[in-house]
Amino acid sequence: MGSIVSNEADALLHSRQPLILIVDDNDDNLLLLHYVLEDLGYRTVGASCGKDAIALAAKHTPNLVLLDILLPDMNGMTVISHLRRQPKMRRVPIIAVTALARTVEKSKIISAGFNAYIAKPYMIDELHTLISRYIKLDHTKTDRSDAGNSRSKDNRAAS
């Protein structure tokens, strides 16, 4: 019975950790972000197209969204428009993840309703710092920062 209580307590604590919706049509980027963010203490759910992102956001109401701008079915600007129409998503931070890093694109991204953007390729530490501006982790969870700090800072998260 001890393990059941322990499992229930762990599940309850896990459910308190922030949920991040990752939207990227590149399966390798999705998988990498999933592992990195879970290692940092976040829960994740992923989508590879805009339609699935909209449905998952409605179902799970994430604490933050990492949204690729270039998706196969609709662009990130269209996706954010749909997300911002959902009452539960109006105040959720949404970060554009993009290879479009010119000044014109940056201003369009912010004007579209994104809270911030990060240009591909990016550093894990840079992404973590940006996410930390918008959501805080419950530090009562087992600290996994040692694993995150052992990563080479030269490793790129996505391209």
Protein backbone atom coordinates (compact mmCIF):
# COMPACT_ATOMS: atom_id res chain seq x y z
CA MET A 1 0.00 0.00 0.00
CA GLY A 2 2.96 2.32 0.53
CA SER A 3 3.74 2.32 -3.17
CA ILE A 4 0.15 3.26 -4.03
CA VAL A 5 0.29 6.30 -1.74
CA SER A 6 3.70 7.19 -3.14
CA ASN A 7 2.41 6.84 -6.71
CA GLU A 8 -0.67 8.93 -5.94
CA ALA A 9 1.43 11.63 -4.27
CA ASP A 10 3.84 11.61 -7.22
CA ALA A 11 0.95 11.86 -9.69
CA LEU A 12 -0.56 14.77 -7.74
CA LEU A 13 2.76 16.59 -7.59
CA HIS A 14 3.37 15.87 -11.30
CA SER A 15 -0.05 17.33 -12.17
CA ARG A 16 0.97 20.61 -10.50
CA GLN A 17 3.95 21.02 -12.82
CA PRO A 18 3.36 23.45 -15.71
CA LEU A 19 2.16 21.98 -18.99
CA ILE A 20 3.76 23.17 -22.22
CA LEU A 21 2.16 22.58 -25.60
CA ILE A 22 4.90 22.09 -28.22
CA VAL A 23 3.85 22.64 -31.84
CA ASP A 24 6.38 21.72 -34.51
CA ASP A 25 6.00 19.77 -37.75
CA ASN A 26 9.50 18.30 -37.39
CA ASP A 27 9.20 15.09 -35.36
CA ASP A 28 12.85 15.30 -34.25
CA ASN A 29 12.30 18.81 -32.85
CA LEU A 30 9.13 17.66 -31.07
CA LEU A 31 10.89 14.71 -29.48
CA LEU A 32 13.95 16.72 -28.49
CA LEU A 33 11.87 19.48 -26.91
CA HIS A 34 9.77 16.89 -25.10
CA TYR A 35 12.85 15.31 -23.52
CA VAL A 36 14.56 18.62 -22.71
CA LEU A 37 11.48 20.22 -21.16
CA GLU A 38 10.56 17.14 -19.14
CA ASP A 39 14.16 16.98 -17.91
CA LEU A 40 13.76 20.60 -16.78
CA GLY A 41 10.62 19.66 -14.84
CA TYR A 42 7.79 20.60 -17.19
CA ARG A 43 5.03 18.37 -18.52
CA THR A 44 4.56 18.42 -22.28
CA VAL A 45 2.04 17.62 -24.97
CA GLY A 46 2.90 17.89 -28.66
CA ALA A 47 1.27 18.58 -32.00
CA SER A 48 2.73 18.49 -35.51
CA CYS A 49 0.09 20.65 -37.21
CA GLY A 50 -2.07 23.65 -36.46
CA LYS A 51 -5.35 21.74 -36.33
CA ASP A 52 -4.03 19.35 -33.68
CA ALA A 53 -2.51 22.25 -31.71
CA ILE A 54 -5.87 24.01 -31.52
CA ALA A 55 -7.60 20.82 -30.38
CA LEU A 56 -4.93 20.00 -27.76
CA ALA A 57 -5.01 23.54 -26.39
CA ALA A 58 -8.79 23.31 -25.98
CA LYS A 59 -8.50 19.92 -24.28
CA HIS A 60 -5.54 20.57 -21.96
CA THR A 61 -5.30 24.37 -21.47
CA PRO A 62 -1.49 24.47 -21.28
CA ASN A 63 0.43 26.96 -19.16
CA LEU A 64 2.54 27.96 -22.17
CA VAL A 65 2.70 27.22 -25.90
CA LEU A 66 5.82 26.92 -28.07
CA LEU A 67 4.45 27.44 -31.58
CA ASP A 68 6.40 26.95 -34.79
CA ILE A 69 5.46 29.54 -37.40
CA LEU A 70 5.81 27.30 -40.47
CA LEU A 71 3.38 24.38 -40.23
CA PRO A 72 2.01 22.14 -43.00
CA ASP A 73 -1.70 22.92 -42.68
CA MET A 74 -1.72 26.56 -41.51
CA ASN A 75 0.89 29.03 -40.38
CA GLY A 76 1.49 29.97 -36.77
CA MET A 77 -0.19 33.34 -37.25
CA THR A 78 -3.45 31.56 -38.12
CA VAL A 79 -3.03 29.12 -35.23
CA ILE A 80 -2.54 31.89 -32.67
CA SER A 81 -5.63 33.64 -33.98
CA HIS A 82 -7.66 30.48 -33.30
CA LEU A 83 -6.02 29.97 -29.89
CA ARG A 84 -6.68 33.53 -28.75
CA ARG A 85 -10.39 33.07 -29.54
CA GLN A 86 -10.58 30.32 -26.90
CA PRO A 87 -11.44 32.04 -23.57
CA LYS A 88 -9.05 29.80 -21.60
CA MET A 89 -6.18 30.60 -23.98
CA ARG A 90 -6.45 34.41 -24.03
CA ARG A 91 -3.90 34.88 -21.23
CA VAL A 92 -1.70 31.84 -21.91
CA PRO A 93 1.80 32.88 -22.99
CA ILE A 94 2.53 31.81 -26.57
CA ILE A 95 6.10 31.88 -27.84
CA ALA A 96 6.82 31.81 -31.57
CA VAL A 97 9.58 29.40 -32.56
CA THR A 98 10.85 30.48 -35.94
CA ALA A 99 13.64 30.61 -38.44
CA LEU A 100 12.16 33.94 -39.59
CA ALA A 101 14.34 36.28 -37.59
CA ARG A 102 14.30 39.48 -39.61
CA THR A 103 13.03 42.65 -37.95
CA VAL A 104 9.91 42.77 -40.15
CA GLU A 105 8.92 39.22 -39.18
CA LYS A 106 9.60 39.90 -35.49
CA SER A 107 7.22 42.86 -35.44
CA LYS A 108 4.56 40.83 -37.31
CA ILE A 109 4.94 38.00 -34.80
CA ILE A 110 4.46 40.27 -31.78
CA SER A 111 1.59 42.13 -33.50
CA ALA A 112 -0.15 38.79 -34.14
CA GLY A 113 -0.46 38.19 -30.39
CA PHE A 114 2.65 36.21 -29.51
CA ASN A 115 4.20 37.11 -26.16
CA ALA A 116 7.73 36.48 -27.43
CA TYR A 117 9.72 34.65 -30.07
CA ILE A 118 12.87 32.60 -30.25
CA ALA A 119 14.85 32.10 -33.45
CA LYS A 120 15.98 28.68 -34.65
CA PRO A 121 18.52 27.38 -34.00
CA TYR A 122 18.48 28.27 -30.31
CA MET A 123 20.36 27.25 -27.19
CA ILE A 124 18.65 25.16 -24.52
CA ASP A 125 19.59 27.72 -21.87
CA GLU A 126 18.10 30.52 -23.97
CA LEU A 127 14.82 28.62 -24.34
CA HIS A 128 14.69 27.79 -20.63
CA THR A 129 15.31 31.43 -19.68
CA LEU A 130 12.52 32.57 -22.00
CA ILE A 131 10.05 30.00 -20.66
CA SER A 132 10.98 30.92 -17.08
CA ARG A 133 9.88 34.51 -17.72
CA TYR A 134 6.32 33.27 -18.15
CA ILE A 135 5.92 30.22 -15.91
CA LYS A 136 7.55 29.07 -12.72
CA LEU A 137 8.26 25.50 -11.67
CA ASP A 138 7.14 23.99 -8.38
CA HIS A 139 10.54 23.43 -6.78
CA THR A 140 9.18 20.86 -4.34
CA LYS A 141 9.54 18.36 -7.18
CA THR A 142 12.76 16.40 -7.38
CA ASP A 143 15.39 18.81 -8.66
CA ARG A 144 16.60 17.71 -12.07
CA SER A 145 18.75 20.76 -12.72
CA ASP A 146 21.98 18.77 -12.37
CA ALA A 147 21.08 16.80 -15.49
CA GLY A 148 20.23 19.99 -17.36
CA ASN A 149 23.45 21.71 -16.29
CA SER A 150 25.60 18.86 -17.55
CA ARG A 151 24.56 19.52 -21.16
CA SER A 152 27.06 21.23 -23.36
CA LYS A 153 26.07 24.84 -23.88
CA ASP A 154 27.17 24.53 -27.51
CA ASN A 155 24.43 22.01 -28.31
CA ARG A 156 21.67 23.45 -30.43
CA ALA A 157 18.08 22.38 -29.61
CA ALA A 158 16.48 22.77 -32.99
CA SER A 159 17.32 23.76 -36.49
